[in-house]
Amino acid sequence: MASEFLKRFDVLVFGSGLAGQAVALRLADTHRVALVTKRAIDDSATARAQGGIAAVLNDADSIAAHIQDTLTAGAGLCDPLATRFVVERGREAIEWLIAQGVPFTRGESGYHLTREGGHSHRRVIHVADATGAAVQQTLTNKVRGHPNITVLERHIVIDLVTGAKLGLNDNRCWGAYVLDLDEDRVMTLAAPNTVIATGGAGKVYLYTTNPDTATGDGIAMAWRAGCRVENMEFIQFHPTCLYHPDAKSFLITEAMRGEGGLLRLRDGTRFMPDHDSRAELAPRDVVARAIDFEMKRHGLDCVFLDMTHKGEAFLREHFPNIHARCAELGVDIAAEPIPVVPAAHYTCGGIKVDLAARTDIPGLYAIGEAACTGLHGANRLASNSLLECLVFAEAVAANIEAQAQQTLIPPRLPGWDESRVADADEEIVLSHNWDELRRFMWDYVGIVRTSKRLQRAMNRIRLLEREIDDYYANFRVSNDLIELRNLVQTAHLIVLSAMRRKESRGLHYSRDFPDMLPKTRGTVLSPSRR
């Protein structure tokens, strides 16, 4: 495997979802940008987003109402400044996407707005029920056509290169080591600005709506480099993932409940009114726990989302993607309820950043699901995530542009050293460890937690960490090894954060601490105090 391979850019962007592509496009006219992605450029969580993007876009709604809905969903842990920062920039963010050519669905008097759980108004702009796919395709075409953007597909980041690792006094991020999966060689990518937009960590769980790329890479590499992380205990489980043996991680959008969908048991009984006065329009954490409770109470494999009362024409018009996919699997959603189960969906915590998306390391930014901006608190309000991507992509671009005249003398970056490692001889070890991790995280660190379950999970994680560290030190890197190393590190952060929260709040529900404390703060973990 060759290792001496250096490329220089002005900005490195890791991740090709909305956050990564938006910041790349905003900077590309004045900077040489490398967009690095583990698989194809369109293989992202953005491409799977169905519902839409929340923003205040009509006179019946207000900035104050959107802020209040976000704070309510966040269960007392949202940062008020970050929340206002994002919500106030909602219209501008949507106008930027429209200018890029995103074909949002129109109604009789302008763009059609839908309503999702936790929202007090219709404010979710969308492209039918496949918003993310439309946004991804539109921006991908722009990115591929820009002369200043170099797209590196099938490249996975191993670790960041910082001043501390180089023995310098200034701990700036100067680039990263990246494995080219097709050429099987490690590249050194150098740049004075690096943006982590790698998404979340849903693959740490057995059942997830996330793409296979969601392995916590950005969170883990930032932690190893010295960044703090925050609120990692708050993992959002989407209440309604299609339950079908031939459907992998297919999401049934929140908007279906916003448009009148009813959750029922197998015998047709509605149950959400027994759990919350908002019934099916309660926030996701409430709905997910209610489904989990009813499944365990009745010994069910799933519950059912009933849209049959809306009629064939309505479902084909508003949810064509879901209608077609379910039909392929033999489920006629106009004639029968949809079988659904909760699944890990969104990492509300992440790398701690400020309002310019700056991390603790100069030159290193984090945006999107990999970051913790303070917007989501203890539970993300539906459709706020894509809005956050857009707003903080613009914030990063503005910050980098403002420093464009700053003279930075880059240090010499050494090539990747693999002189003391050998080819892997037991690849099956990685596969077994991966399966073990995801199963015990699902069993012990899921929707409902206990102190004993968390301790069991931590004990297993520490054993896995020792095995993986030994493997990493002795064998050449591979995609599976890099991802497993990151998953185990991220799982450790999730469990440690959960163990430190002695209450139930938002997405973190503990049987041992079922009450919400009157006052609380975010769970901040620091590498210097691990």
Protein backbone atom coordinates (compact mmCIF):
# COMPACT_ATOMS: atom_id res chain seq x y z
CA MET A 1 0.00 0.00 0.00
CA ALA A 2 1.53 3.33 -1.07
CA SER A 3 1.51 6.08 1.56
CA GLU A 4 3.45 9.11 0.24
CA PHE A 5 0.63 10.94 -1.50
CA LEU A 6 -0.06 14.59 -0.65
CA LYS A 7 -2.73 16.95 -1.99
CA ARG A 8 -3.29 20.55 -0.89
CA PHE A 9 -6.54 22.53 -0.79
CA ASP A 10 -7.91 25.66 0.84
CA VAL A 11 -10.80 23.81 2.48
CA LEU A 12 -11.45 20.15 3.23
CA VAL A 13 -15.09 19.11 3.63
CA PHE A 14 -15.80 15.64 4.98
CA GLY A 15 -19.31 14.51 4.12
CA SER A 16 -21.53 14.94 1.06
CA GLY A 17 -24.99 15.53 2.56
CA LEU A 18 -26.72 18.92 2.65
CA ALA A 19 -24.30 20.39 5.23
CA GLY A 20 -21.19 19.39 3.31
CA GLN A 21 -22.45 20.32 -0.12
CA ALA A 22 -23.88 23.65 1.04
CA VAL A 23 -20.62 24.81 2.60
CA ALA A 24 -18.62 23.59 -0.41
CA LEU A 25 -20.81 25.54 -2.82
CA ARG A 26 -20.74 28.69 -0.69
CA LEU A 27 -16.92 28.69 -0.63
CA ALA A 28 -16.02 27.30 -4.05
CA ASP A 29 -16.04 30.60 -5.95
CA THR A 30 -13.07 31.84 -3.87
CA HIS A 31 -11.48 28.65 -2.46
CA ARG A 32 -10.16 25.33 -3.72
CA VAL A 33 -12.42 22.80 -1.98
CA ALA A 34 -12.09 19.04 -1.59
CA LEU A 35 -15.38 17.26 -0.86
CA VAL A 36 -14.53 13.86 0.62
CA THR A 37 -17.16 11.13 0.95
CA LYS A 38 -16.97 7.48 1.98
CA ARG A 39 -19.19 6.18 -0.78
CA ALA A 40 -20.97 7.85 -3.69
CA ILE A 41 -21.66 11.55 -3.33
CA ASP A 42 -25.42 10.98 -3.07
CA ASP A 43 -25.20 8.28 -0.37
CA SER A 44 -26.16 10.41 2.62
CA ALA A 45 -28.80 10.87 5.29
CA THR A 46 -30.00 13.96 3.40
CA ALA A 47 -30.98 11.83 0.43
CA ARG A 48 -33.28 9.80 2.70
CA ALA A 49 -35.02 12.74 4.35
CA GLN A 50 -38.71 12.61 3.46
CA GLY A 51 -40.62 15.25 5.40
CA GLY A 52 -39.01 18.58 4.59
CA ILE A 53 -37.43 21.68 6.10
CA ALA A 54 -38.99 23.77 8.88
CA ALA A 55 -38.99 27.55 8.42
CA VAL A 56 -41.33 30.48 9.06
CA LEU A 57 -42.66 31.22 5.58
CA ASN A 58 -46.16 32.67 5.98
CA ASP A 59 -47.92 35.39 7.97
CA ALA A 60 -49.94 32.96 10.09
CA ASP A 61 -46.69 31.69 11.63
CA SER A 62 -44.01 33.58 13.56
CA ILE A 63 -40.37 33.41 14.57
CA ALA A 64 -41.46 33.38 18.21
CA ALA A 65 -43.74 30.37 17.64
CA HIS A 66 -41.03 28.37 15.85
CA ILE A 67 -38.55 29.18 18.62
CA GLN A 68 -41.06 28.16 21.30
CA ASP A 69 -41.86 24.87 19.55
CA THR A 70 -38.14 24.11 19.32
CA LEU A 71 -37.54 24.95 22.99
CA THR A 72 -40.53 22.84 24.05
CA ALA A 73 -39.33 19.81 22.09
CA GLY A 74 -35.80 20.32 23.44
CA ALA A 75 -37.05 19.83 27.01
CA GLY A 76 -35.14 22.69 28.59
CA LEU A 77 -31.75 22.00 27.02
CA CYS A 78 -31.83 24.07 23.82
CA ASP A 79 -29.43 26.99 23.71
CA PRO A 80 -31.76 30.03 23.33
CA LEU A 81 -29.16 32.01 21.34
CA ALA A 82 -28.49 29.15 18.93
CA THR A 83 -32.22 28.50 18.53
CA ARG A 84 -32.95 32.12 17.64
CA PHE A 85 -29.87 32.22 15.39
CA VAL A 86 -31.17 29.31 13.32
CA VAL A 87 -34.88 30.14 13.24
CA GLU A 88 -34.35 33.77 12.25
CA ARG A 89 -32.30 32.66 9.24
CA GLY A 90 -34.89 30.12 8.06
CA ARG A 91 -36.41 32.09 5.20
CA GLU A 92 -33.00 33.11 3.84
CA ALA A 93 -31.86 29.47 3.92
CA ILE A 94 -34.92 28.30 1.98
CA GLU A 95 -34.49 31.13 -0.55
CA TRP A 96 -30.90 29.96 -1.12
CA LEU A 97 -32.13 26.43 -1.89
CA ILE A 98 -34.80 27.79 -4.23
CA ALA A 99 -32.09 29.79 -6.00
CA GLN A 100 -30.11 26.55 -6.45
CA GLY A 101 -33.14 25.06 -8.21
CA VAL A 102 -34.79 22.83 -5.60
CA PRO A 103 -38.35 22.19 -6.92
CA PHE A 104 -40.40 22.57 -3.74
CA THR A 105 -44.04 21.44 -3.95
CA ARG A 106 -46.50 24.24 -4.66
CA GLY A 107 -50.07 24.66 -3.47
CA GLU A 108 -52.89 26.96 -4.58
CA SER A 109 -51.32 30.09 -3.04
CA GLY A 110 -47.59 29.46 -3.16
CA TYR A 111 -45.38 26.74 -1.72
CA HIS A 112 -47.24 23.99 0.10
CA LEU A 113 -46.44 23.78 3.80
CA THR A 114 -47.16 20.71 5.90
CA ARG A 115 -47.19 20.22 9.67
CA GLU A 116 -45.26 17.66 11.70
CA GLY A 117 -45.26 16.51 15.32
CA GLY A 118 -44.34 19.23 17.82
CA HIS A 119 -45.07 22.12 15.43
CA SER A 120 -47.86 24.57 16.25
CA HIS A 121 -48.16 25.74 12.62
CA ARG A 122 -47.77 24.46 9.08
CA ARG A 123 -44.18 25.46 8.34
CA VAL A 124 -42.50 22.46 6.72
CA ILE A 125 -41.66 23.16 3.08
CA HIS A 126 -41.12 19.99 1.08
CA VAL A 127 -40.82 18.22 -2.26
CA ALA A 128 -43.73 15.75 -1.97
CA ASP A 129 -42.43 13.04 0.41
CA ALA A 130 -38.89 12.94 -0.98
CA THR A 131 -37.49 16.35 -0.03
CA GLY A 132 -34.00 15.14 0.80
CA ALA A 133 -33.59 13.30 -2.49
CA ALA A 134 -34.56 16.41 -4.44
CA VAL A 135 -32.21 18.64 -2.42
CA GLN A 136 -29.36 16.13 -2.73
CA GLN A 137 -29.73 15.76 -6.49
CA THR A 138 -29.98 19.51 -7.07
CA LEU A 139 -26.85 20.32 -5.07
CA THR A 140 -24.92 17.29 -6.36
CA ASN A 141 -25.36 18.59 -9.91
CA LYS A 142 -24.03 21.98 -8.80
CA VAL A 143 -21.07 20.46 -6.93
CA ARG A 144 -20.06 18.19 -9.80
CA GLY A 145 -20.18 21.10 -12.21
CA HIS A 146 -18.05 23.51 -10.16
CA PRO A 147 -14.41 23.77 -11.31
CA ASN A 148 -13.09 24.59 -7.82
CA ILE A 149 -14.60 21.53 -6.11
CA THR A 150 -12.70 18.25 -6.21
CA VAL A 151 -14.99 15.37 -5.29
CA LEU A 152 -13.23 12.39 -3.73
CA GLU A 153 -15.71 9.52 -3.61
CA ARG A 154 -14.93 6.23 -1.82
CA HIS A 155 -12.42 7.95 0.47
CA ILE A 156 -12.69 7.51 4.24
CA VAL A 157 -10.94 9.72 6.79
CA ILE A 158 -8.66 7.89 9.23
CA ASP A 159 -7.68 10.78 11.51
CA LEU A 160 -7.10 14.50 11.59
CA VAL A 161 -3.62 16.01 11.48
CA THR A 162 -3.23 18.69 14.16
CA GLY A 163 -0.39 20.81 15.50
CA ALA A 164 -0.34 18.74 18.69
CA LYS A 165 0.27 15.56 16.71
CA LEU A 166 3.05 17.32 14.81
CA GLY A 167 4.71 18.54 18.02
CA LEU A 168 3.84 22.20 17.39
CA ASN A 169 2.75 24.79 19.94
CA ASP A 170 -0.28 25.77 17.84
CA ASN A 171 -2.85 22.97 17.81
CA ARG A 172 -4.45 24.02 14.53
CA CYS A 173 -5.98 21.40 12.28
CA TRP A 174 -3.87 21.15 9.11
CA GLY A 175 -5.60 18.31 7.30
CA ALA A 176 -6.19 14.59 7.56
CA TYR A 177 -5.09 11.12 6.57
CA VAL A 178 -7.60 9.58 4.17
CA LEU A 179 -7.83 6.02 2.83
CA ASP A 180 -8.54 5.77 -0.91
CA LEU A 181 -10.65 2.60 -0.95
CA ASP A 182 -10.24 1.90 -4.68
CA GLU A 183 -6.47 2.39 -4.83
CA ASP A 184 -5.89 0.98 -1.31
CA ARG A 185 -3.54 3.79 -0.38
CA VAL A 186 -3.47 6.41 2.35
CA MET A 187 -3.45 10.01 1.16
CA THR A 188 -2.43 13.07 3.14
CA LEU A 189 -4.85 15.93 2.48
CA ALA A 190 -3.60 19.32 3.65
CA ALA A 191 -5.65 22.49 4.19
CA PRO A 192 -5.81 25.36 6.69
CA ASN A 193 -9.59 24.85 7.05
CA THR A 194 -11.38 21.55 7.63
CA VAL A 195 -15.14 21.05 7.94
CA ILE A 196 -16.61 17.91 9.49
CA ALA A 197 -20.04 17.20 8.00
CA THR A 198 -20.00 13.42 8.32
CA GLY A 199 -23.46 12.92 9.80
CA GLY A 200 -24.53 10.96 12.83
CA ALA A 201 -23.99 7.57 14.42
CA GLY A 202 -27.17 5.59 13.84
CA LYS A 203 -25.24 2.48 12.80
CA VAL A 204 -24.15 2.04 16.41
CA TYR A 205 -27.64 0.53 16.84
CA LEU A 206 -29.06 -2.66 15.40
CA TYR A 207 -32.11 -0.93 13.91
CA THR A 208 -31.73 2.47 12.31
CA THR A 209 -33.16 4.63 9.55
CA ASN A 210 -29.65 5.91 8.77
CA PRO A 211 -27.50 4.99 5.76
CA ASP A 212 -24.62 2.55 6.28
CA THR A 213 -22.24 5.53 6.29
CA ALA A 214 -23.57 6.83 9.65
CA THR A 215 -20.79 5.40 11.82
CA GLY A 216 -19.92 8.41 13.96
CA ASP A 217 -16.68 9.10 12.05
CA GLY A 218 -16.56 12.86 12.52
CA ILE A 219 -17.48 12.74 16.21
CA ALA A 220 -14.86 10.08 16.95
CA MET A 221 -12.03 11.73 15.01
CA ALA A 222 -12.74 15.14 16.58
CA TRP A 223 -12.74 13.58 20.06
CA ARG A 224 -9.40 11.87 19.38
CA ALA A 225 -8.01 15.21 18.18
CA GLY A 226 -9.03 16.95 21.41
CA CYS A 227 -12.53 18.39 20.83
CA ARG A 228 -15.25 18.35 23.43
CA VAL A 229 -18.56 16.63 22.69
CA GLU A 230 -21.95 17.46 24.17
CA ASN A 231 -25.32 15.79 24.78
CA MET A 232 -24.36 12.42 23.30
CA GLU A 233 -26.98 10.63 25.44
CA PHE A 234 -29.80 12.10 23.35
CA ILE A 235 -30.34 9.68 20.47
CA GLN A 236 -33.62 10.23 18.68
CA PHE A 237 -35.53 7.11 17.74
CA HIS A 238 -37.90 7.73 14.87
CA PRO A 239 -41.27 6.28 15.85
CA THR A 240 -42.20 4.92 12.45
CA CYS A 241 -39.76 2.84 10.44
CA LEU A 242 -41.42 0.37 8.06
CA TYR A 243 -41.57 -3.11 9.60
CA HIS A 244 -41.00 -5.54 6.73
CA PRO A 245 -38.41 -8.29 6.20
CA ASP A 246 -37.48 -6.96 2.76
CA ALA A 247 -37.30 -3.25 3.65
CA LYS A 248 -34.01 -2.05 5.09
CA SER A 249 -34.30 1.14 7.13
CA PHE A 250 -37.21 2.57 5.15
CA LEU A 251 -38.61 5.60 6.94
CA ILE A 252 -42.31 6.44 7.17
CA THR A 253 -42.27 10.22 7.40
CA GLU A 254 -43.50 12.25 10.36
CA ALA A 255 -45.65 14.19 7.90
CA MET A 256 -48.02 11.23 7.63
CA ARG A 257 -49.09 11.80 11.23
CA GLY A 258 -49.14 15.54 10.52
CA GLU A 259 -51.64 14.85 7.74
CA GLY A 260 -53.95 12.76 9.95
CA GLY A 261 -52.29 9.36 10.33
CA LEU A 262 -53.43 7.34 13.34
CA LEU A 263 -51.37 4.82 15.32
CA ARG A 264 -53.20 1.61 16.15
CA LEU A 265 -52.64 -1.78 17.72
CA ARG A 266 -53.19 -4.93 15.69
CA ASP A 267 -56.88 -5.00 16.70
CA GLY A 268 -57.37 -1.43 15.48
CA THR A 269 -57.31 0.30 18.88
CA ARG A 270 -55.78 3.78 18.97
CA PHE A 271 -53.32 4.24 21.83
CA MET A 272 -51.61 7.64 21.53
CA PRO A 273 -54.42 9.58 23.29
CA ASP A 274 -53.70 7.44 26.37
CA HIS A 275 -50.07 8.61 26.40
CA ASP A 276 -50.24 12.32 25.51
CA SER A 277 -52.88 14.97 24.97
CA ARG A 278 -51.31 15.77 21.59
CA ALA A 279 -51.86 12.15 20.51
CA GLU A 280 -50.17 11.39 17.16
CA LEU A 281 -48.83 14.96 16.95
CA ALA A 282 -46.73 14.63 20.10
CA PRO A 283 -42.94 15.00 19.67
CA ARG A 284 -40.99 11.99 18.45
CA ASP A 285 -39.58 10.94 21.82
CA VAL A 286 -43.07 10.72 23.31
CA VAL A 287 -44.41 8.74 20.36
CA ALA A 288 -41.41 6.39 20.25
CA ARG A 289 -41.71 5.60 23.98
CA ALA A 290 -45.45 5.05 23.62
CA ILE A 291 -44.93 2.57 20.78
CA ASP A 292 -42.15 0.83 22.70
CA PHE A 293 -44.45 0.58 25.76
CA GLU A 294 -47.38 -0.84 23.80
CA MET A 295 -45.20 -3.35 21.92
CA LYS A 296 -43.74 -4.67 25.18
CA ARG A 297 -47.09 -4.57 26.97
CA HIS A 298 -48.84 -6.63 24.30
CA GLY A 299 -45.87 -8.67 23.05
CA LEU A 300 -46.03 -7.14 19.56
CA ASP A 301 -43.42 -7.03 16.82
CA CYS A 302 -44.86 -3.77 15.48
CA VAL A 303 -47.78 -1.34 15.59
CA PHE A 304 -49.69 0.15 12.66
CA LEU A 305 -49.97 3.62 11.11
CA ASP A 306 -53.40 4.00 9.57
CA MET A 307 -53.84 6.35 6.59
CA THR A 308 -56.70 4.47 4.92
CA HIS A 309 -59.23 7.20 5.77
CA LYS A 310 -57.32 9.70 3.61
CA GLY A 311 -58.04 7.88 0.35
CA GLU A 312 -56.00 6.70 -2.61
CA ALA A 313 -55.84 10.04 -4.46
CA PHE A 314 -54.60 11.97 -1.42
CA LEU A 315 -51.91 9.39 -0.62
CA ARG A 316 -50.64 9.23 -4.20
CA GLU A 317 -50.42 13.03 -4.36
CA HIS A 318 -48.84 13.73 -0.97
CA PHE A 319 -46.81 10.56 -0.34
CA PRO A 320 -45.98 9.10 -3.77
CA ASN A 321 -42.61 7.68 -2.71
CA ILE A 322 -44.00 5.88 0.34
CA HIS A 323 -47.07 4.72 -1.60
CA ALA A 324 -44.90 3.23 -4.35
CA ARG A 325 -42.35 1.58 -2.03
CA CYS A 326 -45.02 0.00 0.16
CA ALA A 327 -46.85 -1.23 -2.96
CA GLU A 328 -43.62 -2.91 -4.11
CA LEU A 329 -43.59 -4.77 -0.81
CA GLY A 330 -47.24 -5.79 -1.02
CA VAL A 331 -48.65 -3.16 1.36
CA ASP A 332 -51.53 -1.09 -0.07
CA ILE A 333 -51.49 1.92 2.26
CA ALA A 334 -54.86 3.12 0.95
CA ALA A 335 -56.50 -0.15 2.00
CA GLU A 336 -54.49 -1.33 5.02
CA PRO A 337 -52.45 0.21 7.86
CA ILE A 338 -48.66 0.36 7.57
CA PRO A 339 -46.68 -1.86 10.00
CA VAL A 340 -44.10 0.32 11.81
CA VAL A 341 -41.48 0.13 14.59
CA PRO A 342 -39.16 2.70 16.18
CA ALA A 343 -35.54 2.87 14.95
CA ALA A 344 -32.48 4.96 15.80
CA HIS A 345 -32.78 8.05 13.65
CA TYR A 346 -30.82 11.13 14.74
CA THR A 347 -27.84 11.98 16.96
CA CYS A 348 -28.89 15.18 18.77
CA GLY A 349 -25.50 15.63 20.44
CA GLY A 350 -22.10 15.81 18.80
CA ILE A 351 -18.97 17.93 18.54
CA LYS A 352 -19.41 21.09 20.61
CA VAL A 353 -19.34 24.21 18.42
CA ASP A 354 -20.12 27.92 18.63
CA LEU A 355 -22.37 30.02 16.39
CA ALA A 356 -19.69 30.05 13.69
CA ALA A 357 -19.50 26.22 13.92
CA ARG A 358 -15.95 26.44 15.32
CA THR A 359 -14.72 23.53 17.42
CA ASP A 360 -12.11 23.66 20.19
CA ILE A 361 -9.37 23.25 17.54
CA PRO A 362 -8.50 26.27 15.34
CA GLY A 363 -9.19 25.62 11.67
CA LEU A 364 -11.64 22.79 12.43
CA TYR A 365 -15.39 23.27 12.01
CA ALA A 366 -18.33 20.89 12.48
CA ILE A 367 -21.82 21.20 11.01
CA GLY A 368 -24.90 19.05 10.52
CA GLU A 369 -25.62 15.95 12.58
CA ALA A 370 -21.98 15.54 13.64
CA ALA A 371 -22.15 18.85 15.54
CA CYS A 372 -23.88 20.01 18.70
CA THR A 373 -24.87 23.62 18.11
CA GLY A 374 -27.35 23.81 21.00
CA LEU A 375 -30.38 23.90 18.69
CA HIS A 376 -31.81 20.46 19.44
CA GLY A 377 -31.32 20.22 23.20
CA ALA A 378 -32.72 16.96 24.56
CA ASN A 379 -34.87 16.24 21.51
CA ARG A 380 -34.81 17.51 17.92
CA LEU A 381 -37.98 19.11 16.62
CA ALA A 382 -39.00 17.47 13.34
CA SER A 383 -37.51 19.04 10.18
CA ASN A 384 -35.18 21.40 12.06
CA SER A 385 -32.12 19.35 11.07
CA LEU A 386 -31.89 20.31 7.39
CA LEU A 387 -32.48 23.94 8.38
CA GLU A 388 -29.58 23.71 10.83
CA CYS A 389 -27.35 22.32 8.06
CA LEU A 390 -28.10 25.28 5.82
CA VAL A 391 -27.72 27.98 8.45
CA PHE A 392 -24.43 26.72 9.85
CA ALA A 393 -23.00 26.01 6.40
CA GLU A 394 -23.46 29.70 5.68
CA ALA A 395 -21.92 30.58 9.07
CA VAL A 396 -18.81 28.48 8.35
CA ALA A 397 -18.42 30.00 4.90
CA ALA A 398 -18.71 33.54 6.32
CA ASN A 399 -16.12 32.78 9.00
CA ILE A 400 -13.64 31.29 6.55
CA GLU A 401 -14.16 34.15 4.09
CA ALA A 402 -13.56 36.68 6.88
CA GLN A 403 -10.18 35.11 7.59
CA ALA A 404 -9.17 34.74 3.95
CA GLN A 405 -6.49 37.43 4.25
CA GLN A 406 -4.86 35.77 7.25
CA THR A 407 -1.41 34.46 6.38
CA LEU A 408 -0.96 30.88 7.53
CA ILE A 409 2.29 29.04 6.99
CA PRO A 410 1.43 25.33 6.79
CA PRO A 411 3.85 22.88 8.42
CA ARG A 412 5.26 19.88 6.63
CA LEU A 413 2.78 17.05 6.99
CA PRO A 414 4.40 13.61 7.28
CA GLY A 415 3.06 10.72 5.23
CA TRP A 416 1.11 7.89 6.79
CA ASP A 417 3.44 5.46 8.59
CA GLU A 418 2.59 1.79 8.23
CA SER A 419 6.10 0.41 8.43
CA ARG A 420 5.33 -1.65 11.52
CA VAL A 421 1.99 -3.18 10.56
CA ALA A 422 0.97 -6.26 8.60
CA ASP A 423 -1.98 -7.34 6.49
CA ALA A 424 -5.00 -8.31 8.56
CA ASP A 425 -5.30 -12.04 9.17
CA GLU A 426 -8.64 -12.29 11.02
CA GLU A 427 -11.19 -10.05 9.27
CA ILE A 428 -13.98 -12.09 10.90
CA VAL A 429 -13.03 -10.45 14.21
CA LEU A 430 -14.23 -7.09 12.88
CA SER A 431 -17.54 -8.53 11.70
CA HIS A 432 -18.24 -10.23 15.03
CA ASN A 433 -17.30 -7.14 17.05
CA TRP A 434 -19.51 -4.94 14.84
CA ASP A 435 -22.53 -7.22 15.37
CA GLU A 436 -21.91 -7.50 19.10
CA LEU A 437 -21.68 -3.73 19.53
CA ARG A 438 -24.90 -2.97 17.67
CA ARG A 439 -26.88 -5.65 19.49
CA PHE A 440 -25.91 -4.69 23.02
CA MET A 441 -26.34 -0.98 22.25
CA TRP A 442 -29.88 -1.76 21.08
CA ASP A 443 -30.62 -3.91 24.14
CA TYR A 444 -28.95 -1.77 26.81
CA VAL A 445 -28.85 1.82 25.50
CA GLY A 446 -32.13 2.07 23.58
CA ILE A 447 -35.39 3.95 24.07
CA VAL A 448 -35.70 2.98 27.76
CA ARG A 449 -32.54 2.70 29.88
CA THR A 450 -31.45 1.61 33.36
CA SER A 451 -28.22 2.16 35.28
CA LYS A 452 -27.50 -1.57 35.24
CA ARG A 453 -27.99 -1.80 31.47
CA LEU A 454 -25.70 1.15 30.90
CA GLN A 455 -22.97 -0.37 33.09
CA ARG A 456 -23.24 -3.65 31.19
CA ALA A 457 -22.88 -1.79 27.92
CA MET A 458 -19.82 0.10 29.19
CA ASN A 459 -18.16 -3.12 30.34
CA ARG A 460 -18.58 -4.62 26.88
CA ILE A 461 -17.37 -1.43 25.19
CA ARG A 462 -14.14 -1.41 27.17
CA LEU A 463 -13.41 -4.99 26.12
CA LEU A 464 -14.06 -4.12 22.49
CA GLU A 465 -11.88 -1.02 22.71
CA ARG A 466 -8.91 -3.07 23.87
CA GLU A 467 -9.37 -5.57 21.05
CA ILE A 468 -9.76 -2.86 18.41
CA ASP A 469 -6.82 -0.79 19.68
CA ASP A 470 -4.62 -3.88 19.45
CA TYR A 471 -5.93 -4.65 15.97
CA TYR A 472 -5.43 -1.03 14.84
CA ALA A 473 -1.84 -0.99 16.11
CA ASN A 474 -0.82 -4.18 14.32
CA PHE A 475 -2.68 -4.32 11.03
CA ARG A 476 -3.15 -2.13 7.98
CA VAL A 477 -6.22 0.06 8.03
CA SER A 478 -9.35 -0.88 6.12
CA ASN A 479 -12.81 0.63 5.77
CA ASP A 480 -14.30 -1.86 8.23
CA LEU A 481 -11.59 -1.28 10.82
CA ILE A 482 -11.88 2.52 10.60
CA GLU A 483 -15.66 2.43 10.91
CA LEU A 484 -15.65 -0.06 13.79
CA ARG A 485 -13.04 1.98 15.66
CA ASN A 486 -15.23 5.08 15.26
CA LEU A 487 -18.43 3.26 16.21
CA VAL A 488 -16.96 1.89 19.43
CA GLN A 489 -15.56 5.31 20.35
CA THR A 490 -18.92 6.96 19.69
CA ALA A 491 -20.77 4.25 21.64
CA HIS A 492 -18.45 4.94 24.59
CA LEU A 493 -19.38 8.64 24.46
CA ILE A 494 -23.11 7.86 24.27
CA VAL A 495 -23.01 5.50 27.24
CA LEU A 496 -20.76 7.73 29.35
CA SER A 497 -23.07 10.70 28.75
CA ALA A 498 -26.13 8.61 29.60
CA MET A 499 -24.51 7.39 32.84
CA ARG A 500 -23.87 10.98 33.92
CA ARG A 501 -27.48 12.12 33.45
CA LYS A 502 -29.37 11.27 36.65
CA GLU A 503 -32.84 12.14 35.38
CA SER A 504 -35.21 11.47 32.49
CA ARG A 505 -35.34 14.28 29.95
CA GLY A 506 -36.27 14.39 26.28
CA LEU A 507 -34.81 11.40 24.47
CA HIS A 508 -33.05 10.02 27.56
CA TYR A 509 -35.46 7.98 29.65
CA SER A 510 -34.17 6.07 32.68
CA ARG A 511 -36.29 3.76 34.82
CA ASP A 512 -33.94 4.46 37.73
CA PHE A 513 -34.36 8.23 37.41
CA PRO A 514 -37.86 8.69 35.94
CA ASP A 515 -38.32 12.32 37.00
CA MET A 516 -37.03 15.46 35.34
CA LEU A 517 -34.80 17.61 37.51
CA PRO A 518 -35.90 21.26 38.01
CA LYS A 519 -32.56 22.51 36.70
CA THR A 520 -30.05 20.87 34.40
CA ARG A 521 -27.34 21.56 31.85
CA GLY A 522 -25.84 19.87 28.83
CA THR A 523 -23.57 16.87 29.27
CA VAL A 524 -20.16 18.07 28.10
CA LEU A 525 -17.33 15.53 27.83
CA SER A 526 -13.74 16.67 27.46
CA PRO A 527 -10.89 14.47 26.16
CA SER A 528 -8.56 16.08 28.71
CA ARG A 529 -10.75 14.78 31.55
CA ARG A 530 -11.69 11.34 30.22
